[in-house]
Amino acid sequence: MSLSEAPTVHPTAVVTDSSLGVWTEVAHDVTLHASSLGDYSYVMQHAQIVGTQIGKFCSLASFVRLNLGNHPLEHPTSHHMTYRAKQYGFGDTDDLEFFA
């Protein structure tokens, strides 16, 4: 594919509800949903990007996956151990309310 000021999107890529900056490239079999790709950035093949703002001059590798996680942002860390205490040996039960 030849790049141009207009975004270059491979025909097999699926781009929905997203914005693409100038001189951007979206390679084959990429899914880009509810996201933005800044000027001069590119995403290589088989990437899955959902709900993500990507800045200018960024290079995203093949098979990268960026999406909204379901992590408790009010905890001091988003690590699983804060809601999977039993699994990590920090308590007798996991946080069932979190999983509801």
PDB file of N, CA and C in Angstrom:
ATOM      1  N   MET A   1       0.831  -1.183   0.000  1.00  0.00           N
ATOM      2  CA  MET A   1       0.000   0.000   0.000  1.00  0.00           C
ATOM      3  C   MET A   1       0.872   1.241   0.000  1.00  0.00           C
ATOM      4  N   SER A   2       0.447   2.208  -0.737  1.00  0.00           N
ATOM      5  CA  SER A   2       1.145   3.478  -0.784  1.00  0.00           C
ATOM      6  C   SER A   2       0.494   4.445   0.187  1.00  0.00           C
ATOM      7  N   LEU A   3       1.287   5.107   1.004  1.00  0.00           N
ATOM      8  CA  LEU A   3       0.748   6.043   1.978  1.00  0.00           C
ATOM      9  C   LEU A   3       0.451   7.392   1.338  1.00  0.00           C
ATOM     10  N   SER A   4      -0.477   8.101   1.962  1.00  0.00           N
ATOM     11  CA  SER A   4      -0.820   9.449   1.498  1.00  0.00           C
ATOM     12  C   SER A   4      -1.294  10.258   2.698  1.00  0.00           C
ATOM     13  N   GLU A   5      -1.522  11.541   2.485  1.00  0.00           N
ATOM     14  CA  GLU A   5      -2.018  12.383   3.568  1.00  0.00           C
ATOM     15  C   GLU A   5      -3.348  11.874   4.093  1.00  0.00           C
ATOM     16  N   ALA A   6      -4.180  11.370   3.190  1.00  0.00           N
ATOM     17  CA  ALA A   6      -5.448  10.751   3.603  1.00  0.00           C
ATOM     18  C   ALA A   6      -5.134   9.409   4.257  1.00  0.00           C
ATOM     19  N   PRO A   7      -5.877   9.008   5.274  1.00  0.00           N
ATOM     20  CA  PRO A   7      -5.624   7.721   5.918  1.00  0.00           C
ATOM     21  C   PRO A   7      -5.624   6.567   4.919  1.00  0.00           C
ATOM     22  N   THR A   8      -4.725   5.619   5.125  1.00  0.00           N
ATOM     23  CA  THR A   8      -4.645   4.418   4.299  1.00  0.00           C
ATOM     24  C   THR A   8      -5.177   3.260   5.129  1.00  0.00           C
ATOM     25  N   VAL A   9      -6.271   2.658   4.657  1.00  0.00           N
ATOM     26  CA  VAL A   9      -6.920   1.566   5.382  1.00  0.00           C
ATOM     27  C   VAL A   9      -7.019   0.371   4.449  1.00  0.00           C
ATOM     28  N   HIS A  10      -6.442  -0.739   4.873  1.00  0.00           N
ATOM     29  CA  HIS A  10      -6.491  -1.963   4.069  1.00  0.00           C
ATOM     30  C   HIS A  10      -7.946  -2.414   3.939  1.00  0.00           C
ATOM     31  N   PRO A  11      -8.332  -2.959   2.780  1.00  0.00           N
ATOM     32  CA  PRO A  11      -9.723  -3.391   2.564  1.00  0.00           C
ATOM     33  C   PRO A  11     -10.245  -4.415   3.573  1.00  0.00           C
ATOM     34  N   THR A  12      -9.365  -5.188   4.206  1.00  0.00           N
ATOM     35  CA  THR A  12      -9.830  -6.182   5.173  1.00  0.00           C
ATOM     36  C   THR A  12      -9.926  -5.619   6.592  1.00  0.00           C
ATOM     37  N   ALA A  13      -9.485  -4.394   6.777  1.00  0.00           N
ATOM     38  CA  ALA A  13      -9.580  -3.769   8.102  1.00  0.00           C
ATOM     39  C   ALA A  13     -11.020  -3.316   8.339  1.00  0.00           C
ATOM     40  N   VAL A  14     -11.437  -3.345   9.603  1.00  0.00           N
ATOM     41  CA  VAL A  14     -12.771  -2.886   9.985  1.00  0.00           C
ATOM     42  C   VAL A  14     -12.588  -1.690  10.908  1.00  0.00           C
ATOM     43  N   VAL A  15     -12.960  -0.517  10.417  1.00  0.00           N
ATOM     44  CA  VAL A  15     -12.832   0.718  11.189  1.00  0.00           C
ATOM     45  C   VAL A  15     -14.237   1.274  11.391  1.00  0.00           C
ATOM     46  N   THR A  16     -14.687   1.340  12.654  1.00  0.00           N
ATOM     47  CA  THR A  16     -16.030   1.843  12.951  1.00  0.00           C
ATOM     48  C   THR A  16     -15.966   2.859  14.083  1.00  0.00           C
ATOM     49  N   ASP A  17     -16.778   3.896  13.958  1.00  0.00           N
ATOM     50  CA  ASP A  17     -16.890   4.932  14.995  1.00  0.00           C
ATOM     51  C   ASP A  17     -15.522   5.426  15.454  1.00  0.00           C
ATOM     52  N   SER A  18     -14.611   5.629  14.527  1.00  0.00           N
ATOM     53  CA  SER A  18     -13.246   6.015  14.858  1.00  0.00           C
ATOM     54  C   SER A  18     -12.789   7.161  13.971  1.00  0.00           C
ATOM     55  N   SER A  19     -11.756   7.870  14.414  1.00  0.00           N
ATOM     56  CA  SER A  19     -11.180   8.940  13.607  1.00  0.00           C
ATOM     57  C   SER A  19      -9.715   8.627  13.334  1.00  0.00           C
ATOM     58  N   LEU A  20      -9.297   8.951  12.118  1.00  0.00           N
ATOM     59  CA  LEU A  20      -7.925   8.689  11.687  1.00  0.00           C
ATOM     60  C   LEU A  20      -7.282  10.001  11.269  1.00  0.00           C
ATOM     61  N   GLY A  21      -6.081  10.257  11.769  1.00  0.00           N
ATOM     62  CA  GLY A  21      -5.357  11.471  11.423  1.00  0.00           C
ATOM     63  C   GLY A  21      -4.730  11.379  10.042  1.00  0.00           C
ATOM     64  N   VAL A  22      -3.968  12.400   9.694  1.00  0.00           N
ATOM     65  CA  VAL A  22      -3.287  12.423   8.397  1.00  0.00           C
ATOM     66  C   VAL A  22      -2.098  11.482   8.411  1.00  0.00           C
ATOM     67  N   TRP A  23      -1.765  10.941   7.254  1.00  0.00           N
ATOM     68  CA  TRP A  23      -0.640  10.041   7.060  1.00  0.00           C
ATOM     69  C   TRP A  23      -0.699   8.832   8.002  1.00  0.00           C
ATOM     70  N   THR A  24      -1.895   8.345   8.271  1.00  0.00           N
ATOM     71  CA  THR A  24      -2.052   7.160   9.114  1.00  0.00           C
ATOM     72  C   THR A  24      -2.222   5.917   8.248  1.00  0.00           C
ATOM     73  N   GLU A  25      -1.927   4.774   8.835  1.00  0.00           N
ATOM     74  CA  GLU A  25      -2.082   3.507   8.122  1.00  0.00           C
ATOM     75  C   GLU A  25      -2.697   2.471   9.038  1.00  0.00           C
ATOM     76  N   VAL A  26      -3.703   1.765   8.528  1.00  0.00           N
ATOM     77  CA  VAL A  26      -4.342   0.657   9.228  1.00  0.00           C
ATOM     78  C   VAL A  26      -4.153  -0.569   8.337  1.00  0.00           C
ATOM     79  N   ALA A  27      -3.394  -1.534   8.815  1.00  0.00           N
ATOM     80  CA  ALA A  27      -3.029  -2.707   8.013  1.00  0.00           C
ATOM     81  C   ALA A  27      -4.159  -3.730   7.937  1.00  0.00           C
ATOM     82  N   HIS A  28      -3.878  -4.830   7.261  1.00  0.00           N
ATOM     83  CA  HIS A  28      -4.913  -5.840   7.017  1.00  0.00           C
ATOM     84  C   HIS A  28      -5.350  -6.539   8.303  1.00  0.00           C
ATOM     85  N   ASP A  29      -6.628  -6.886   8.317  1.00  0.00           N
ATOM     86  CA  ASP A  29      -7.258  -7.630   9.413  1.00  0.00           C
ATOM     87  C   ASP A  29      -7.186  -6.919  10.761  1.00  0.00           C
ATOM     88  N   VAL A  30      -7.154  -5.603  10.744  1.00  0.00           N
ATOM     89  CA  VAL A  30      -7.194  -4.799  11.966  1.00  0.00           C
ATOM     90  C   VAL A  30      -8.644  -4.472  12.287  1.00  0.00           C
ATOM     91  N   THR A  31      -8.990  -4.494  13.567  1.00  0.00           N
ATOM     92  CA  THR A  31     -10.286  -4.008  14.037  1.00  0.00           C
ATOM     93  C   THR A  31     -10.018  -2.758  14.860  1.00  0.00           C
ATOM     94  N   LEU A  32     -10.628  -1.651  14.452  1.00  0.00           N
ATOM     95  CA  LEU A  32     -10.470  -0.377  15.151  1.00  0.00           C
ATOM     96  C   LEU A  32     -11.871   0.157  15.408  1.00  0.00           C
ATOM     97  N   HIS A  33     -12.277   0.196  16.678  1.00  0.00           N
ATOM     98  CA  HIS A  33     -13.644   0.599  17.015  1.00  0.00           C
ATOM     99  C   HIS A  33     -13.625   1.633  18.139  1.00  0.00           C
ATOM    100  N   ALA A  34     -14.415   2.687  17.964  1.00  0.00           N
ATOM    101  CA  ALA A  34     -14.572   3.732  18.980  1.00  0.00           C
ATOM    102  C   ALA A  34     -13.213   4.238  19.463  1.00  0.00           C
ATOM    103  N   SER A  35     -12.318   4.494  18.514  1.00  0.00           N
ATOM    104  CA  SER A  35     -10.954   4.878  18.836  1.00  0.00           C
ATOM    105  C   SER A  35     -10.504   6.018  17.934  1.00  0.00           C
ATOM    106  N   SER A  36      -9.345   6.579  18.246  1.00  0.00           N
ATOM    107  CA  SER A  36      -8.741   7.580  17.369  1.00  0.00           C
ATOM    108  C   SER A  36      -7.270   7.230  17.168  1.00  0.00           C
ATOM    109  N   LEU A  37      -6.808   7.483  15.970  1.00  0.00           N
ATOM    110  CA  LEU A  37      -5.422   7.216  15.593  1.00  0.00           C
ATOM    111  C   LEU A  37      -4.827   8.549  15.155  1.00  0.00           C
ATOM    112  N   GLY A  38      -3.841   9.034  15.930  1.00  0.00           N
ATOM    113  CA  GLY A  38      -3.251  10.344  15.670  1.00  0.00           C
ATOM    114  C   GLY A  38      -2.430  10.397  14.396  1.00  0.00           C
ATOM    115  N   ASP A  39      -2.160  11.624  13.952  1.00  0.00           N
ATOM    116  CA  ASP A  39      -1.384  11.865  12.734  1.00  0.00           C
ATOM    117  C   ASP A  39      -0.090  11.053  12.716  1.00  0.00           C
ATOM    118  N   TYR A  40       0.239  10.512  11.570  1.00  0.00           N
ATOM    119  CA  TYR A  40       1.482   9.781  11.305  1.00  0.00           C
ATOM    120  C   TYR A  40       1.614   8.467  12.078  1.00  0.00           C
ATOM    121  N   SER A  41       0.561   8.001  12.697  1.00  0.00           N
ATOM    122  CA  SER A  41       0.613   6.732  13.433  1.00  0.00           C
ATOM    123  C   SER A  41       0.165   5.585  12.539  1.00  0.00           C
ATOM    124  N   TYR A  42       0.541   4.373  12.914  1.00  0.00           N
ATOM    125  CA  TYR A  42       0.097   3.206  12.149  1.00  0.00           C
ATOM    126  C   TYR A  42      -0.167   2.024  13.062  1.00  0.00           C
ATOM    127  N   VAL A  43      -1.025   1.135  12.556  1.00  0.00           N
ATOM    128  CA  VAL A  43      -1.396  -0.091  13.253  1.00  0.00           C
ATOM    129  C   VAL A  43      -1.148  -1.246  12.298  1.00  0.00           C
ATOM    130  N   MET A  44      -0.358  -2.219  12.732  1.00  0.00           N
ATOM    131  CA  MET A  44      -0.026  -3.338  11.869  1.00  0.00           C
ATOM    132  C   MET A  44      -1.087  -4.447  11.952  1.00  0.00           C
ATOM    133  N   GLN A  45      -0.927  -5.469  11.144  1.00  0.00           N
ATOM    134  CA  GLN A  45      -1.943  -6.496  10.910  1.00  0.00           C
ATOM    135  C   GLN A  45      -2.417  -7.209  12.173  1.00  0.00           C
ATOM    136  N   HIS A  46      -3.676  -7.604  12.136  1.00  0.00           N
ATOM    137  CA  HIS A  46      -4.354  -8.416  13.148  1.00  0.00           C
ATOM    138  C   HIS A  46      -4.498  -7.738  14.511  1.00  0.00           C
ATOM    139  N   ALA A  47      -4.323  -6.428  14.576  1.00  0.00           N
ATOM    140  CA  ALA A  47      -4.490  -5.718  15.847  1.00  0.00           C
ATOM    141  C   ALA A  47      -5.978  -5.538  16.141  1.00  0.00           C
ATOM    142  N   GLN A  48      -6.308  -5.463  17.421  1.00  0.00           N
ATOM    143  CA  GLN A  48      -7.679  -5.201  17.872  1.00  0.00           C
ATOM    144  C   GLN A  48      -7.622  -4.018  18.827  1.00  0.00           C
ATOM    145  N   ILE A  49      -8.270  -2.930  18.434  1.00  0.00           N
ATOM    146  CA  ILE A  49      -8.218  -1.707  19.236  1.00  0.00           C
ATOM    147  C   ILE A  49      -9.637  -1.214  19.445  1.00  0.00           C
ATOM    148  N   VAL A  50     -10.033  -1.081  20.706  1.00  0.00           N
ATOM    149  CA  VAL A  50     -11.388  -0.655  21.056  1.00  0.00           C
ATOM    150  C   VAL A  50     -11.301   0.413  22.138  1.00  0.00           C
ATOM    151  N   GLY A  51     -12.000   1.528  21.941  1.00  0.00           N
ATOM    152  CA  GLY A  51     -12.097   2.556  22.965  1.00  0.00           C
ATOM    153  C   GLY A  51     -10.761   3.136  23.391  1.00  0.00           C
ATOM    154  N   THR A  52      -9.892   3.396  22.434  1.00  0.00           N
ATOM    155  CA  THR A  52      -8.535   3.838  22.747  1.00  0.00           C
ATOM    156  C   THR A  52      -8.176   5.085  21.949  1.00  0.00           C
ATOM    157  N   GLN A  53      -7.516   6.034  22.592  1.00  0.00           N
ATOM    158  CA  GLN A  53      -6.994   7.212  21.915  1.00  0.00           C
ATOM    159  C   GLN A  53      -5.497   7.032  21.743  1.00  0.00           C
ATOM    160  N   ILE A  54      -5.066   6.975  20.488  1.00  0.00           N
ATOM    161  CA  ILE A  54      -3.663   6.778  20.159  1.00  0.00           C
ATOM    162  C   ILE A  54      -3.128   8.109  19.653  1.00  0.00           C
ATOM    163  N   GLY A  55      -2.014   8.534  20.185  1.00  0.00           N
ATOM    164  CA  GLY A  55      -1.445   9.834  19.836  1.00  0.00           C
ATOM    165  C   GLY A  55      -0.762   9.858  18.480  1.00  0.00           C
ATOM    166  N   LYS A  56      -0.059  10.957  18.233  1.00  0.00           N
ATOM    167  CA  LYS A  56       0.685  11.140  16.984  1.00  0.00           C
ATOM    168  C   LYS A  56       1.995  10.356  17.016  1.00  0.00           C
ATOM    169  N   PHE A  57       2.443   9.928  15.836  1.00  0.00           N
ATOM    170  CA  PHE A  57       3.729   9.248  15.647  1.00  0.00           C
ATOM    171  C   PHE A  57       3.850   7.965  16.465  1.00  0.00           C
ATOM    172  N   CYS A  58       2.747   7.236  16.626  1.00  0.00           N
ATOM    173  CA  CYS A  58       2.761   5.965  17.365  1.00  0.00           C
ATOM    174  C   CYS A  58       2.836   4.784  16.403  1.00  0.00           C
ATOM    175  N   SER A  59       3.524   3.750  16.827  1.00  0.00           N
ATOM    176  CA  SER A  59       3.696   2.535  16.029  1.00  0.00           C
ATOM    177  C   SER A  59       3.137   1.368  16.830  1.00  0.00           C
ATOM    178  N   LEU A  60       2.058   0.776  16.345  1.00  0.00           N
ATOM    179  CA  LEU A  60       1.437  -0.343  17.053  1.00  0.00           C
ATOM    180  C   LEU A  60       1.726  -1.634  16.304  1.00  0.00           C
ATOM    181  N   ALA A  61       2.251  -2.597  17.019  1.00  0.00           N
ATOM    182  CA  ALA A  61       2.713  -3.848  16.431  1.00  0.00           C
ATOM    183  C   ALA A  61       1.567  -4.765  16.017  1.00  0.00           C
ATOM    184  N   SER A  62       1.909  -5.744  15.215  1.00  0.00           N
ATOM    185  CA  SER A  62       0.968  -6.793  14.826  1.00  0.00           C
ATOM    186  C   SER A  62       0.453  -7.501  16.065  1.00  0.00           C
ATOM    187  N   PHE A  63      -0.795  -7.886  16.027  1.00  0.00           N
ATOM    188  CA  PHE A  63      -1.455  -8.680  17.067  1.00  0.00           C
ATOM    189  C   PHE A  63      -1.622  -7.952  18.402  1.00  0.00           C
ATOM    190  N   VAL A  64      -1.354  -6.643  18.441  1.00  0.00           N
ATOM    191  CA  VAL A  64      -1.568  -5.912  19.684  1.00  0.00           C
ATOM    192  C   VAL A  64      -3.071  -5.842  19.956  1.00  0.00           C
ATOM    193  N   ARG A  65      -3.426  -5.832  21.231  1.00  0.00           N
ATOM    194  CA  ARG A  65      -4.843  -5.732  21.596  1.00  0.00           C
ATOM    195  C   ARG A  65      -4.982  -4.668  22.677  1.00  0.00           C
ATOM    196  N   LEU A  66      -5.711  -3.617  22.364  1.00  0.00           N
ATOM    197  CA  LEU A  66      -5.966  -2.528  23.293  1.00  0.00           C
ATOM    198  C   LEU A  66      -7.467  -2.378  23.421  1.00  0.00           C
ATOM    199  N   ASN A  67      -7.953  -2.425  24.659  1.00  0.00           N
ATOM    200  CA  ASN A  67      -9.388  -2.249  24.847  1.00  0.00           C
ATOM    201  C   ASN A  67      -9.672  -1.828  26.271  1.00  0.00           C
ATOM    202  N   LEU A  68     -10.904  -1.469  26.461  1.00  0.00           N
ATOM    203  CA  LEU A  68     -11.330  -1.090  27.794  1.00  0.00           C
ATOM    204  C   LEU A  68     -11.358  -2.323  28.672  1.00  0.00           C
ATOM    205  N   GLY A  69     -10.693  -2.240  29.767  1.00  0.00           N
ATOM    206  CA  GLY A  69     -10.711  -3.351  30.699  1.00  0.00           C
ATOM    207  C   GLY A  69     -11.790  -3.142  31.739  1.00  0.00           C
ATOM    208  N   ASN A  70     -12.053  -4.173  32.462  1.00  0.00           N
ATOM    209  CA  ASN A  70     -13.035  -4.091  33.532  1.00  0.00           C
ATOM    210  C   ASN A  70     -12.276  -4.140  34.854  1.00  0.00           C
ATOM    211  N   HIS A  71     -11.467  -3.103  35.099  1.00  0.00           N
ATOM    212  CA  HIS A  71     -10.654  -3.040  36.303  1.00  0.00           C
ATOM    213  C   HIS A  71     -11.210  -1.960  37.228  1.00  0.00           C
ATOM    214  N   PRO A  72     -11.167  -2.186  38.525  1.00  0.00           N
ATOM    215  CA  PRO A  72     -11.664  -1.178  39.470  1.00  0.00           C
ATOM    216  C   PRO A  72     -10.676  -0.014  39.579  1.00  0.00           C
ATOM    217  N   LEU A  73     -11.036   1.122  39.040  1.00  0.00           N
ATOM    218  CA  LEU A  73     -10.135   2.264  39.034  1.00  0.00           C
ATOM    219  C   LEU A  73     -10.065   2.982  40.376  1.00  0.00           C
ATOM    220  N   GLU A  74     -10.990   2.650  41.294  1.00  0.00           N
ATOM    221  CA  GLU A  74     -10.970   3.288  42.609  1.00  0.00           C
ATOM    222  C   GLU A  74     -10.003   2.595  43.576  1.00  0.00           C
ATOM    223  N   HIS A  75      -9.441   1.465  43.178  1.00  0.00           N
ATOM    224  CA  HIS A  75      -8.475   0.746  44.016  1.00  0.00           C
ATOM    225  C   HIS A  75      -7.085   1.353  43.814  1.00  0.00           C
ATOM    226  N   PRO A  76      -6.162   1.114  44.737  1.00  0.00           N
ATOM    227  CA  PRO A  76      -4.818   1.679  44.587  1.00  0.00           C
ATOM    228  C   PRO A  76      -4.038   1.091  43.402  1.00  0.00           C
ATOM    229  N   THR A  77      -4.477  -0.057  42.905  1.00  0.00           N
ATOM    230  CA  THR A  77      -3.883  -0.675  41.720  1.00  0.00           C
ATOM    231  C   THR A  77      -5.005  -1.363  40.944  1.00  0.00           C
ATOM    232  N   SER A  78      -4.818  -1.530  39.657  1.00  0.00           N
ATOM    233  CA  SER A  78      -5.835  -2.236  38.867  1.00  0.00           C
ATOM    234  C   SER A  78      -5.512  -3.725  38.738  1.00  0.00           C
ATOM    235  N   HIS A  79      -4.494  -4.181  39.447  1.00  0.00           N
ATOM    236  CA  HIS A  79      -4.097  -5.584  39.393  1.00  0.00           C
ATOM    237  C   HIS A  79      -5.245  -6.486  39.864  1.00  0.00           C
ATOM    238  N   HIS A  80      -5.313  -7.657  39.303  1.00  0.00           N
ATOM    239  CA  HIS A  80      -6.365  -8.628  39.635  1.00  0.00           C
ATOM    240  C   HIS A  80      -6.438  -8.964  41.117  1.00  0.00           C
ATOM    241  N   MET A  81      -5.326  -8.870  41.813  1.00  0.00           N
ATOM    242  CA  MET A  81      -5.316  -9.297  43.213  1.00  0.00           C
ATOM    243  C   MET A  81      -6.257  -8.476  44.084  1.00  0.00           C
ATOM    244  N   THR A  82      -6.650  -7.283  43.633  1.00  0.00           N
ATOM    245  CA  THR A  82      -7.551  -6.473  44.452  1.00  0.00           C
ATOM    246  C   THR A  82      -8.986  -6.982  44.428  1.00  0.00           C
ATOM    247  N   TYR A  83      -9.343  -7.747  43.430  1.00  0.00           N
ATOM    248  CA  TYR A  83     -10.696  -8.316  43.384  1.00  0.00           C
ATOM    249  C   TYR A  83     -10.696  -9.837  43.232  1.00  0.00           C
ATOM    250  N   ARG A  84      -9.543 -10.429  43.143  1.00  0.00           N
ATOM    251  CA  ARG A  84      -9.411 -11.895  43.126  1.00  0.00           C
ATOM    252  C   ARG A  84      -8.500 -12.321  44.279  1.00  0.00           C
ATOM    253  N   ALA A  85      -8.858 -11.852  45.474  1.00  0.00           N
ATOM    254  CA  ALA A  85      -8.014 -12.070  46.662  1.00  0.00           C
ATOM    255  C   ALA A  85      -7.765 -13.554  46.934  1.00  0.00           C
ATOM    256  N   LYS A  86      -8.779 -14.376  46.785  1.00  0.00           N
ATOM    257  CA  LYS A  86      -8.628 -15.810  47.053  1.00  0.00           C
ATOM    258  C   LYS A  86      -7.644 -16.433  46.068  1.00  0.00           C
ATOM    259  N   GLN A  87      -7.794 -16.055  44.807  1.00  0.00           N
ATOM    260  CA  GLN A  87      -6.951 -16.624  43.764  1.00  0.00           C
ATOM    261  C   GLN A  87      -5.467 -16.322  44.001  1.00  0.00           C
ATOM    262  N   TYR A  88      -5.189 -15.170  44.619  1.00  0.00           N
ATOM    263  CA  TYR A  88      -3.804 -14.773  44.858  1.00  0.00           C
ATOM    264  C   TYR A  88      -3.347 -15.018  46.298  1.00  0.00           C
ATOM    265  N   GLY A  89      -4.200 -15.666  47.099  1.00  0.00           N
ATOM    266  CA  GLY A  89      -3.829 -15.999  48.462  1.00  0.00           C
ATOM    267  C   GLY A  89      -3.897 -14.836  49.435  1.00  0.00           C
ATOM    268  N   PHE A  90      -4.644 -13.782  49.109  1.00  0.00           N
ATOM    269  CA  PHE A  90      -4.764 -12.619  49.985  1.00  0.00           C
ATOM    270  C   PHE A  90      -6.049 -12.623  50.804  1.00  0.00           C
ATOM    271  N   GLY A  91      -6.897 -13.593  50.616  1.00  0.00           N
ATOM    272  CA  GLY A  91      -8.151 -13.649  51.358  1.00  0.00           C
ATOM    273  C   GLY A  91      -8.866 -14.951  51.105  1.00  0.00           C
ATOM    274  N   ASP A  92     -10.012 -15.107  51.767  1.00  0.00           N
ATOM    275  CA  ASP A  92     -10.785 -16.343  51.645  1.00  0.00           C
ATOM    276  C   ASP A  92     -11.761 -16.331  50.480  1.00  0.00           C
ATOM    277  N   THR A  93     -12.110 -15.135  49.973  1.00  0.00           N
ATOM    278  CA  THR A  93     -13.082 -15.041  48.881  1.00  0.00           C
ATOM    279  C   THR A  93     -12.644 -13.986  47.880  1.00  0.00           C
ATOM    280  N   ASP A  94     -13.128 -14.128  46.680  1.00  0.00           N
ATOM    281  CA  ASP A  94     -12.960 -13.094  45.674  1.00  0.00           C
ATOM    282  C   ASP A  94     -14.075 -12.071  45.834  1.00  0.00           C
ATOM    283  N   ASP A  95     -13.933 -10.902  45.230  1.00  0.00           N
ATOM    284  CA  ASP A  95     -14.920  -9.828  45.324  1.00  0.00           C
ATOM    285  C   ASP A  95     -16.077 -10.136  44.368  1.00  0.00           C
ATOM    286  N   LEU A  96     -17.083 -10.849  44.858  1.00  0.00           N
ATOM    287  CA  LEU A  96     -18.215 -11.271  44.027  1.00  0.00           C
ATOM    288  C   LEU A  96     -19.000 -10.084  43.507  1.00  0.00           C
ATOM    289  N   GLU A  97     -19.056  -8.998  44.256  1.00  0.00           N
ATOM    290  CA  GLU A  97     -19.774  -7.803  43.799  1.00  0.00           C
ATOM    291  C   GLU A  97     -19.124  -7.226  42.543  1.00  0.00           C
ATOM    292  N   PHE A  98     -17.814  -7.273  42.478  1.00  0.00           N
ATOM    293  CA  PHE A  98     -17.104  -6.787  41.291  1.00  0.00           C
ATOM    294  C   PHE A  98     -17.519  -7.575  40.058  1.00  0.00           C
ATOM    295  N   PHE A  99     -17.654  -8.887  40.199  1.00  0.00           N
ATOM    296  CA  PHE A  99     -17.978  -9.731  39.060  1.00  0.00           C
ATOM    297  C   PHE A  99     -19.457  -9.692  38.693  1.00  0.00           C
ATOM    298  N   ALA A 100     -20.306  -9.142  39.578  1.00  0.00           N
ATOM    299  CA  ALA A 100     -21.737  -9.022  39.270  1.00  0.00           C
ATOM    300  C   ALA A 100     -21.914  -7.998  38.174  1.00  0.00           C
TER     301      ALA A 100
END
